[in-house]
């Protein structure tokens, strides 16, 4: 689940490769290379675009906050390291 609470942007990598393996042939395995516009607000948790789905507003991630590409790009350009982030349900 996504951690709730008060955070700050701690890094801004332009590209991140999101990959996780739970074992051979596990249906929960995923690999989303070259995911753009990443704002890390807690270790291993980011706000980022999600080119692999269009179901925003529904839980689709392993804890990250997925956004439309245009929103992720705007947020990435606007937010600096240290920008406050408030995560609620």
PDB file of N, CA and C in Angstrom:
ATOM      1  N   UNK A   1       0.814  -1.212   0.000  1.00  0.00           N
ATOM      2  CA  UNK A   1       0.000   0.000   0.000  1.00  0.00           C
ATOM      3  C   UNK A   1       0.850   1.267   0.000  1.00  0.00           C
ATOM      4  N   UNK A   2       0.290   2.328  -0.491  1.00  0.00           N
ATOM      5  CA  UNK A   2       0.962   3.625  -0.497  1.00  0.00           C
ATOM      6  C   UNK A   2       1.024   4.149   0.930  1.00  0.00           C
ATOM      7  N   UNK A   3       2.201   4.606   1.384  1.00  0.00           N
ATOM      8  CA  UNK A   3       2.264   5.170   2.728  1.00  0.00           C
ATOM      9  C   UNK A   3       1.492   6.489   2.787  1.00  0.00           C
ATOM     10  N   UNK A   4       0.764   6.684   3.871  1.00  0.00           N
ATOM     11  CA  UNK A   4      -0.014   7.907   4.062  1.00  0.00           C
ATOM     12  C   UNK A   4       0.738   8.840   4.995  1.00  0.00           C
ATOM     13  N   UNK A   5       0.551  10.138   4.794  1.00  0.00           N
ATOM     14  CA  UNK A   5       1.151  11.094   5.707  1.00  0.00           C
ATOM     15  C   UNK A   5       1.841  12.235   4.996  1.00  0.00           C
ATOM     16  N   UNK A   6       2.718  12.898   5.744  1.00  0.00           N
ATOM     17  CA  UNK A   6       3.458  14.066   5.262  1.00  0.00           C
ATOM     18  C   UNK A   6       4.861  13.636   4.847  1.00  0.00           C
ATOM     19  N   UNK A   7       5.247  14.040   3.654  1.00  0.00           N
ATOM     20  CA  UNK A   7       6.548  13.693   3.104  1.00  0.00           C
ATOM     21  C   UNK A   7       7.120  14.916   2.405  1.00  0.00           C
ATOM     22  N   UNK A   8       8.324  14.763   1.881  1.00  0.00           N
ATOM     23  CA  UNK A   8       8.952  15.766   1.025  1.00  0.00           C
ATOM     24  C   UNK A   8       9.579  15.038  -0.150  1.00  0.00           C
ATOM     25  N   UNK A   9       9.662  15.715  -1.279  1.00  0.00           N
ATOM     26  CA  UNK A   9      10.348  15.140  -2.427  1.00  0.00           C
ATOM     27  C   UNK A   9      11.823  14.992  -2.054  1.00  0.00           C
ATOM     28  N   UNK A  10      12.343  13.755  -2.190  1.00  0.00           N
ATOM     29  CA  UNK A  10      13.738  13.516  -1.805  1.00  0.00           C
ATOM     30  C   UNK A  10      14.644  13.253  -3.002  1.00  0.00           C
ATOM     31  N   UNK A  11      14.078  12.963  -4.167  1.00  0.00           N
ATOM     32  CA  UNK A  11      14.880  12.867  -5.390  1.00  0.00           C
ATOM     33  C   UNK A  11      13.964  12.982  -6.601  1.00  0.00           C
ATOM     34  N   UNK A  12      14.576  13.301  -7.756  1.00  0.00           N
ATOM     35  CA  UNK A  12      13.821  13.524  -8.994  1.00  0.00           C
ATOM     36  C   UNK A  12      14.508  12.850 -10.174  1.00  0.00           C
ATOM     37  N   UNK A  13      14.589  11.529 -10.199  1.00  0.00           N
ATOM     38  CA  UNK A  13      15.179  10.907 -11.391  1.00  0.00           C
ATOM     39  C   UNK A  13      14.215  11.025 -12.574  1.00  0.00           C
ATOM     40  N   UNK A  14      14.741  11.419 -13.718  1.00  0.00           N
ATOM     41  CA  UNK A  14      13.882  11.555 -14.897  1.00  0.00           C
ATOM     42  C   UNK A  14      13.330  10.203 -15.335  1.00  0.00           C
ATOM     43  N   UNK A  15      14.177   9.168 -15.327  1.00  0.00           N
ATOM     44  CA  UNK A  15      13.756   7.819 -15.713  1.00  0.00           C
ATOM     45  C   UNK A  15      14.048   6.839 -14.583  1.00  0.00           C
ATOM     46  N   UNK A  16      13.124   5.901 -14.370  1.00  0.00           N
ATOM     47  CA  UNK A  16      13.320   4.802 -13.427  1.00  0.00           C
ATOM     48  C   UNK A  16      12.811   3.530 -14.092  1.00  0.00           C
ATOM     49  N   UNK A  17      13.518   2.428 -13.892  1.00  0.00           N
ATOM     50  CA  UNK A  17      13.055   1.116 -14.342  1.00  0.00           C
ATOM     51  C   UNK A  17      12.381   0.438 -13.156  1.00  0.00           C
ATOM     52  N   UNK A  18      11.074   0.267 -13.222  1.00  0.00           N
ATOM     53  CA  UNK A  18      10.329  -0.403 -12.150  1.00  0.00           C
ATOM     54  C   UNK A  18      10.215  -1.881 -12.493  1.00  0.00           C
ATOM     55  N   UNK A  19      10.894  -2.719 -11.729  1.00  0.00           N
ATOM     56  CA  UNK A  19      10.919  -4.153 -11.977  1.00  0.00           C
ATOM     57  C   UNK A  19      10.854  -4.886 -10.645  1.00  0.00           C
ATOM     58  N   UNK A  20      10.040  -5.904 -10.592  1.00  0.00           N
ATOM     59  CA  UNK A  20       9.956  -6.729  -9.381  1.00  0.00           C
ATOM     60  C   UNK A  20       9.637  -8.150  -9.787  1.00  0.00           C
ATOM     61  N   UNK A  21      10.368  -9.089  -9.221  1.00  0.00           N
ATOM     62  CA  UNK A  21      10.110 -10.502  -9.476  1.00  0.00           C
ATOM     63  C   UNK A  21       9.793 -11.187  -8.156  1.00  0.00           C
ATOM     64  N   UNK A  22       8.668 -11.866  -8.138  1.00  0.00           N
ATOM     65  CA  UNK A  22       8.251 -12.639  -6.969  1.00  0.00           C
ATOM     66  C   UNK A  22       8.530 -14.127  -7.175  1.00  0.00           C
ATOM     67  N   UNK A  23       9.231 -14.443  -8.250  1.00  0.00           N
ATOM     68  CA  UNK A  23       9.553 -15.829  -8.561  1.00  0.00           C
ATOM     69  C   UNK A  23       9.147 -16.156  -9.990  1.00  0.00           C
ATOM     70  N   UNK A  24       9.675 -17.233 -10.527  1.00  0.00           N
ATOM     71  CA  UNK A  24       9.376 -17.609 -11.912  1.00  0.00           C
ATOM     72  C   UNK A  24       7.872 -17.761 -12.158  1.00  0.00           C
ATOM     73  N   UNK A  25       7.412 -17.139 -13.227  1.00  0.00           N
ATOM     74  CA  UNK A  25       6.022 -17.240 -13.684  1.00  0.00           C
ATOM     75  C   UNK A  25       4.991 -16.701 -12.696  1.00  0.00           C
ATOM     76  N   UNK A  26       5.420 -15.929 -11.708  1.00  0.00           N
ATOM     77  CA  UNK A  26       4.463 -15.351 -10.760  1.00  0.00           C
ATOM     78  C   UNK A  26       3.677 -14.245 -11.460  1.00  0.00           C
ATOM     79  N   UNK A  27       2.352 -14.268 -11.410  1.00  0.00           N
ATOM     80  CA  UNK A  27       1.546 -13.259 -12.112  1.00  0.00           C
ATOM     81  C   UNK A  27       1.723 -11.851 -11.543  1.00  0.00           C
ATOM     82  N   UNK A  28       2.329 -11.707 -10.370  1.00  0.00           N
ATOM     83  CA  UNK A  28       2.564 -10.387  -9.790  1.00  0.00           C
ATOM     84  C   UNK A  28       3.881  -9.759 -10.246  1.00  0.00           C
ATOM     85  N   UNK A  29       4.685 -10.509 -11.000  1.00  0.00           N
ATOM     86  CA  UNK A  29       5.930  -9.942 -11.528  1.00  0.00           C
ATOM     87  C   UNK A  29       5.599  -8.773 -12.445  1.00  0.00           C
ATOM     88  N   UNK A  30       6.488  -7.771 -12.467  1.00  0.00           N
ATOM     89  CA  UNK A  30       6.288  -6.654 -13.385  1.00  0.00           C
ATOM     90  C   UNK A  30       7.631  -6.079 -13.809  1.00  0.00           C
ATOM     91  N   UNK A  31       7.619  -5.435 -14.963  1.00  0.00           N
ATOM     92  CA  UNK A  31       8.784  -4.729 -15.480  1.00  0.00           C
ATOM     93  C   UNK A  31       8.289  -3.587 -16.364  1.00  0.00           C
ATOM     94  N   UNK A  32       8.532  -2.366 -15.914  1.00  0.00           N
ATOM     95  CA  UNK A  32       8.146  -1.159 -16.642  1.00  0.00           C
ATOM     96  C   UNK A  32       9.384  -0.284 -16.814  1.00  0.00           C
ATOM     97  N   UNK A  33      10.168  -0.557 -17.862  1.00  0.00           N
ATOM     98  CA  UNK A  33      11.408   0.205 -18.056  1.00  0.00           C
ATOM     99  C   UNK A  33      11.135   1.630 -18.538  1.00  0.00           C
ATOM    100  N   UNK A  34      12.107   2.482 -18.261  1.00  0.00           N
ATOM    101  CA  UNK A  34      12.093   3.865 -18.763  1.00  0.00           C
ATOM    102  C   UNK A  34      10.841   4.636 -18.383  1.00  0.00           C
ATOM    103  N   UNK A  35      10.371   4.453 -17.163  1.00  0.00           N
ATOM    104  CA  UNK A  35       9.227   5.230 -16.672  1.00  0.00           C
ATOM    105  C   UNK A  35       9.712   6.645 -16.385  1.00  0.00           C
ATOM    106  N   UNK A  36       9.020   7.603 -16.952  1.00  0.00           N
ATOM    107  CA  UNK A  36       9.485   8.991 -16.940  1.00  0.00           C
ATOM    108  C   UNK A  36       8.794   9.827 -15.861  1.00  0.00           C
ATOM    109  N   UNK A  37       9.476  10.902 -15.440  1.00  0.00           N
ATOM    110  CA  UNK A  37       8.953  11.932 -14.523  1.00  0.00           C
ATOM    111  C   UNK A  37       8.662  11.353 -13.136  1.00  0.00           C
ATOM    112  N   UNK A  38       9.713  11.042 -12.406  1.00  0.00           N
ATOM    113  CA  UNK A  38       9.615  10.378 -11.109  1.00  0.00           C
ATOM    114  C   UNK A  38       9.958  11.325  -9.968  1.00  0.00           C
ATOM    115  N   UNK A  39       9.076  11.408  -9.002  1.00  0.00           N
ATOM    116  CA  UNK A  39       9.304  12.200  -7.792  1.00  0.00           C
ATOM    117  C   UNK A  39       9.282  11.247  -6.598  1.00  0.00           C
ATOM    118  N   UNK A  40      10.446  10.979  -6.027  1.00  0.00           N
ATOM    119  CA  UNK A  40      10.504  10.086  -4.865  1.00  0.00           C
ATOM    120  C   UNK A  40      10.123  10.870  -3.619  1.00  0.00           C
ATOM    121  N   UNK A  41       9.102  10.363  -2.879  1.00  0.00           N
ATOM    122  CA  UNK A  41       8.677  11.021  -1.648  1.00  0.00           C
ATOM    123  C   UNK A  41       8.984  10.192  -0.407  1.00  0.00           C
ATOM    124  N   UNK A  42       9.378   8.954  -0.592  1.00  0.00           N
ATOM    125  CA  UNK A  42       9.788   8.066   0.482  1.00  0.00           C
ATOM    126  C   UNK A  42      10.619   6.974  -0.189  1.00  0.00           C
ATOM    127  N   UNK A  43      11.592   6.384   0.494  1.00  0.00           N
ATOM    128  CA  UNK A  43      12.392   5.356  -0.186  1.00  0.00           C
ATOM    129  C   UNK A  43      11.511   4.284  -0.844  1.00  0.00           C
ATOM    130  N   UNK A  44      11.719   4.085  -2.133  1.00  0.00           N
ATOM    131  CA  UNK A  44      11.002   3.102  -2.957  1.00  0.00           C
ATOM    132  C   UNK A  44       9.574   3.515  -3.308  1.00  0.00           C
ATOM    133  N   UNK A  45       9.166   4.742  -2.995  1.00  0.00           N
ATOM    134  CA  UNK A  45       7.827   5.229  -3.328  1.00  0.00           C
ATOM    135  C   UNK A  45       7.933   6.522  -4.120  1.00  0.00           C
ATOM    136  N   UNK A  46       7.241   6.537  -5.259  1.00  0.00           N
ATOM    137  CA  UNK A  46       7.338   7.660  -6.188  1.00  0.00           C
ATOM    138  C   UNK A  46       5.947   8.113  -6.639  1.00  0.00           C
ATOM    139  N   UNK A  47       5.905   9.346  -7.119  1.00  0.00           N
ATOM    140  CA  UNK A  47       4.819   9.849  -7.955  1.00  0.00           C
ATOM    141  C   UNK A  47       5.384   9.807  -9.372  1.00  0.00           C
ATOM    142  N   UNK A  48       4.685   9.144 -10.301  1.00  0.00           N
ATOM    143  CA  UNK A  48       5.221   9.016 -11.657  1.00  0.00           C
ATOM    144  C   UNK A  48       4.123   8.698 -12.650  1.00  0.00           C
ATOM    145  N   UNK A  49       4.453   8.889 -13.923  1.00  0.00           N
ATOM    146  CA  UNK A  49       3.538   8.505 -14.987  1.00  0.00           C
ATOM    147  C   UNK A  49       3.420   6.979 -15.035  1.00  0.00           C
ATOM    148  N   UNK A  50       2.370   6.495 -15.637  1.00  0.00           N
ATOM    149  CA  UNK A  50       2.165   5.048 -15.761  1.00  0.00           C
ATOM    150  C   UNK A  50       1.644   4.766 -17.165  1.00  0.00           C
ATOM    151  N   UNK A  51       2.568   4.516 -18.078  1.00  0.00           N
ATOM    152  CA  UNK A  51       2.192   4.310 -19.479  1.00  0.00           C
ATOM    153  C   UNK A  51       1.520   2.967 -19.716  1.00  0.00           C
ATOM    154  N   UNK A  52       1.485   2.105 -18.714  1.00  0.00           N
ATOM    155  CA  UNK A  52       0.990   0.739 -18.894  1.00  0.00           C
ATOM    156  C   UNK A  52      -0.482   0.584 -18.525  1.00  0.00           C
ATOM    157  N   UNK A  53      -1.119   1.642 -18.048  1.00  0.00           N
ATOM    158  CA  UNK A  53      -2.561   1.535 -17.777  1.00  0.00           C
ATOM    159  C   UNK A  53      -3.227   2.899 -17.894  1.00  0.00           C
ATOM    160  N   UNK A  54      -4.549   2.885 -17.895  1.00  0.00           N
ATOM    161  CA  UNK A  54      -5.352   4.099 -17.986  1.00  0.00           C
ATOM    162  C   UNK A  54      -6.438   4.101 -16.916  1.00  0.00           C
ATOM    163  N   UNK A  55      -6.252   3.348 -15.859  1.00  0.00           N
ATOM    164  CA  UNK A  55      -7.255   3.206 -14.803  1.00  0.00           C
ATOM    165  C   UNK A  55      -6.904   4.066 -13.592  1.00  0.00           C
ATOM    166  N   UNK A  56      -6.618   5.342 -13.822  1.00  0.00           N
ATOM    167  CA  UNK A  56      -6.241   6.224 -12.730  1.00  0.00           C
ATOM    168  C   UNK A  56      -7.420   6.404 -11.776  1.00  0.00           C
ATOM    169  N   UNK A  57      -7.110   6.417 -10.486  1.00  0.00           N
ATOM    170  CA  UNK A  57      -8.144   6.481  -9.460  1.00  0.00           C
ATOM    171  C   UNK A  57      -8.436   5.125  -8.851  1.00  0.00           C
ATOM    172  N   UNK A  58      -7.972   4.055  -9.506  1.00  0.00           N
ATOM    173  CA  UNK A  58      -8.101   2.702  -8.984  1.00  0.00           C
ATOM    174  C   UNK A  58      -6.715   2.215  -8.576  1.00  0.00           C
ATOM    175  N   UNK A  59      -6.640   1.385  -7.545  1.00  0.00           N
ATOM    176  CA  UNK A  59      -5.346   0.864  -7.118  1.00  0.00           C
ATOM    177  C   UNK A  59      -4.768  -0.017  -8.213  1.00  0.00           C
ATOM    178  N   UNK A  60      -3.605   0.383  -8.737  1.00  0.00           N
ATOM    179  CA  UNK A  60      -2.955  -0.361  -9.814  1.00  0.00           C
ATOM    180  C   UNK A  60      -1.463  -0.527  -9.561  1.00  0.00           C
ATOM    181  N   UNK A  61      -0.961   0.038  -8.481  1.00  0.00           N
ATOM    182  CA  UNK A  61       0.480   0.020  -8.272  1.00  0.00           C
ATOM    183  C   UNK A  61       0.828  -0.806  -7.037  1.00  0.00           C
ATOM    184  N   UNK A  62       2.099  -0.860  -6.777  1.00  0.00           N
ATOM    185  CA  UNK A  62       2.603  -1.533  -5.584  1.00  0.00           C
ATOM    186  C   UNK A  62       2.983  -0.503  -4.527  1.00  0.00           C
ATOM    187  N   UNK A  63       2.333   0.655  -4.564  1.00  0.00           N
ATOM    188  CA  UNK A  63       2.558   1.685  -3.559  1.00  0.00           C
ATOM    189  C   UNK A  63       2.881   3.047  -4.124  1.00  0.00           C
ATOM    190  N   UNK A  64       3.316   3.109  -5.373  1.00  0.00           N
ATOM    191  CA  UNK A  64       3.582   4.407  -5.987  1.00  0.00           C
ATOM    192  C   UNK A  64       2.258   5.102  -6.324  1.00  0.00           C
ATOM    193  N   UNK A  65       2.350   6.402  -6.583  1.00  0.00           N
ATOM    194  CA  UNK A  65       1.193   7.185  -7.012  1.00  0.00           C
ATOM    195  C   UNK A  65       1.329   7.375  -8.518  1.00  0.00           C
ATOM    196  N   UNK A  66       0.447   6.742  -9.285  1.00  0.00           N
ATOM    197  CA  UNK A  66       0.470   6.834 -10.744  1.00  0.00           C
ATOM    198  C   UNK A  66      -0.354   8.021 -11.207  1.00  0.00           C
ATOM    199  N   UNK A  67       0.141   8.719 -12.242  1.00  0.00           N
ATOM    200  CA  UNK A  67      -0.573   9.869 -12.788  1.00  0.00           C
ATOM    201  C   UNK A  67      -0.561   9.812 -14.317  1.00  0.00           C
ATOM    202  N   UNK A  68      -1.443  10.617 -14.909  1.00  0.00           N
ATOM    203  CA  UNK A  68      -1.391  10.804 -16.347  1.00  0.00           C
ATOM    204  C   UNK A  68      -0.045  11.419 -16.718  1.00  0.00           C
ATOM    205  N   UNK A  69       0.424  11.161 -17.930  1.00  0.00           N
ATOM    206  CA  UNK A  69       1.722  11.655 -18.373  1.00  0.00           C
ATOM    207  C   UNK A  69       1.827  13.181 -18.235  1.00  0.00           C
ATOM    208  N   UNK A  70       0.823  13.913 -18.704  1.00  0.00           N
ATOM    209  CA  UNK A  70       0.889  15.378 -18.644  1.00  0.00           C
ATOM    210  C   UNK A  70       0.967  15.876 -17.204  1.00  0.00           C
ATOM    211  N   UNK A  71       0.246  15.227 -16.287  1.00  0.00           N
ATOM    212  CA  UNK A  71       0.294  15.623 -14.879  1.00  0.00           C
ATOM    213  C   UNK A  71       1.656  15.305 -14.268  1.00  0.00           C
ATOM    214  N   UNK A  72       2.212  14.153 -14.611  1.00  0.00           N
ATOM    215  CA  UNK A  72       3.534  13.775 -14.096  1.00  0.00           C
ATOM    216  C   UNK A  72       4.601  14.732 -14.628  1.00  0.00           C
ATOM    217  N   UNK A  73       4.503  15.087 -15.891  1.00  0.00           N
ATOM    218  CA  UNK A  73       5.483  16.008 -16.486  1.00  0.00           C
ATOM    219  C   UNK A  73       5.399  17.383 -15.820  1.00  0.00           C
ATOM    220  N   UNK A  74       4.177  17.895 -15.629  1.00  0.00           N
ATOM    221  CA  UNK A  74       3.998  19.202 -14.978  1.00  0.00           C
ATOM    222  C   UNK A  74       4.546  19.159 -13.553  1.00  0.00           C
ATOM    223  N   UNK A  75       4.182  18.130 -12.791  1.00  0.00           N
ATOM    224  CA  UNK A  75       4.634  18.013 -11.399  1.00  0.00           C
ATOM    225  C   UNK A  75       6.154  17.923 -11.324  1.00  0.00           C
ATOM    226  N   UNK A  76       6.740  17.158 -12.229  1.00  0.00           N
ATOM    227  CA  UNK A  76       8.183  16.987 -12.248  1.00  0.00           C
ATOM    228  C   UNK A  76       8.886  18.330 -12.490  1.00  0.00           C
ATOM    229  N   UNK A  77       8.356  19.117 -13.421  1.00  0.00           N
ATOM    230  CA  UNK A  77       8.955  20.427 -13.722  1.00  0.00           C
ATOM    231  C   UNK A  77       8.750  21.418 -12.575  1.00  0.00           C
ATOM    232  N   UNK A  78       7.622  21.318 -11.903  1.00  0.00           N
ATOM    233  CA  UNK A  78       7.262  22.279 -10.852  1.00  0.00           C
ATOM    234  C   UNK A  78       7.937  21.981  -9.518  1.00  0.00           C
ATOM    235  N   UNK A  79       7.976  20.739  -9.097  1.00  0.00           N
ATOM    236  CA  UNK A  79       8.432  20.373  -7.752  1.00  0.00           C
ATOM    237  C   UNK A  79       9.957  20.354  -7.666  1.00  0.00           C
ATOM    238  N   UNK A  80      10.451  20.890  -6.574  1.00  0.00           N
ATOM    239  CA  UNK A  80      11.878  20.837  -6.271  1.00  0.00           C
ATOM    240  C   UNK A  80      12.110  19.814  -5.174  1.00  0.00           C
ATOM    241  N   UNK A  81      13.358  19.420  -4.985  1.00  0.00           N
ATOM    242  CA  UNK A  81      13.715  18.599  -3.832  1.00  0.00           C
ATOM    243  C   UNK A  81      13.278  19.378  -2.593  1.00  0.00           C
ATOM    244  N   UNK A  82      12.582  18.697  -1.683  1.00  0.00           N
ATOM    245  CA  UNK A  82      12.086  19.340  -0.474  1.00  0.00           C
ATOM    246  C   UNK A  82      10.651  19.816  -0.539  1.00  0.00           C
ATOM    247  N   UNK A  83      10.033  19.782  -1.739  1.00  0.00           N
ATOM    248  CA  UNK A  83       8.630  20.178  -1.863  1.00  0.00           C
ATOM    249  C   UNK A  83       7.770  19.245  -1.002  1.00  0.00           C
ATOM    250  N   UNK A  84       6.893  19.805  -0.157  1.00  0.00           N
ATOM    251  CA  UNK A  84       6.029  18.958   0.685  1.00  0.00           C
ATOM    252  C   UNK A  84       5.053  18.133  -0.159  1.00  0.00           C
ATOM    253  N   UNK A  85       4.781  16.929   0.316  1.00  0.00           N
ATOM    254  CA  UNK A  85       3.808  16.029  -0.301  1.00  0.00           C
ATOM    255  C   UNK A  85       2.906  15.504   0.811  1.00  0.00           C
ATOM    256  N   UNK A  86       1.593  15.583   0.584  1.00  0.00           N
ATOM    257  CA  UNK A  86       0.617  15.093   1.549  1.00  0.00           C
ATOM    258  C   UNK A  86      -0.159  13.954   0.882  1.00  0.00           C
ATOM    259  N   UNK A  87      -0.016  12.745   1.394  1.00  0.00           N
ATOM    260  CA  UNK A  87      -0.686  11.570   0.823  1.00  0.00           C
ATOM    261  C   UNK A  87      -1.829  11.161   1.737  1.00  0.00           C
ATOM    262  N   UNK A  88      -3.050  11.124   1.178  1.00  0.00           N
ATOM    263  CA  UNK A  88      -4.240  10.678   1.909  1.00  0.00           C
ATOM    264  C   UNK A  88      -4.936   9.589   1.111  1.00  0.00           C
ATOM    265  N   UNK A  89      -5.876   8.916   1.738  1.00  0.00           N
ATOM    266  CA  UNK A  89      -6.659   7.900   1.020  1.00  0.00           C
ATOM    267  C   UNK A  89      -7.608   8.541   0.064  1.00  0.00           C
TER     268      UNK A  89
END
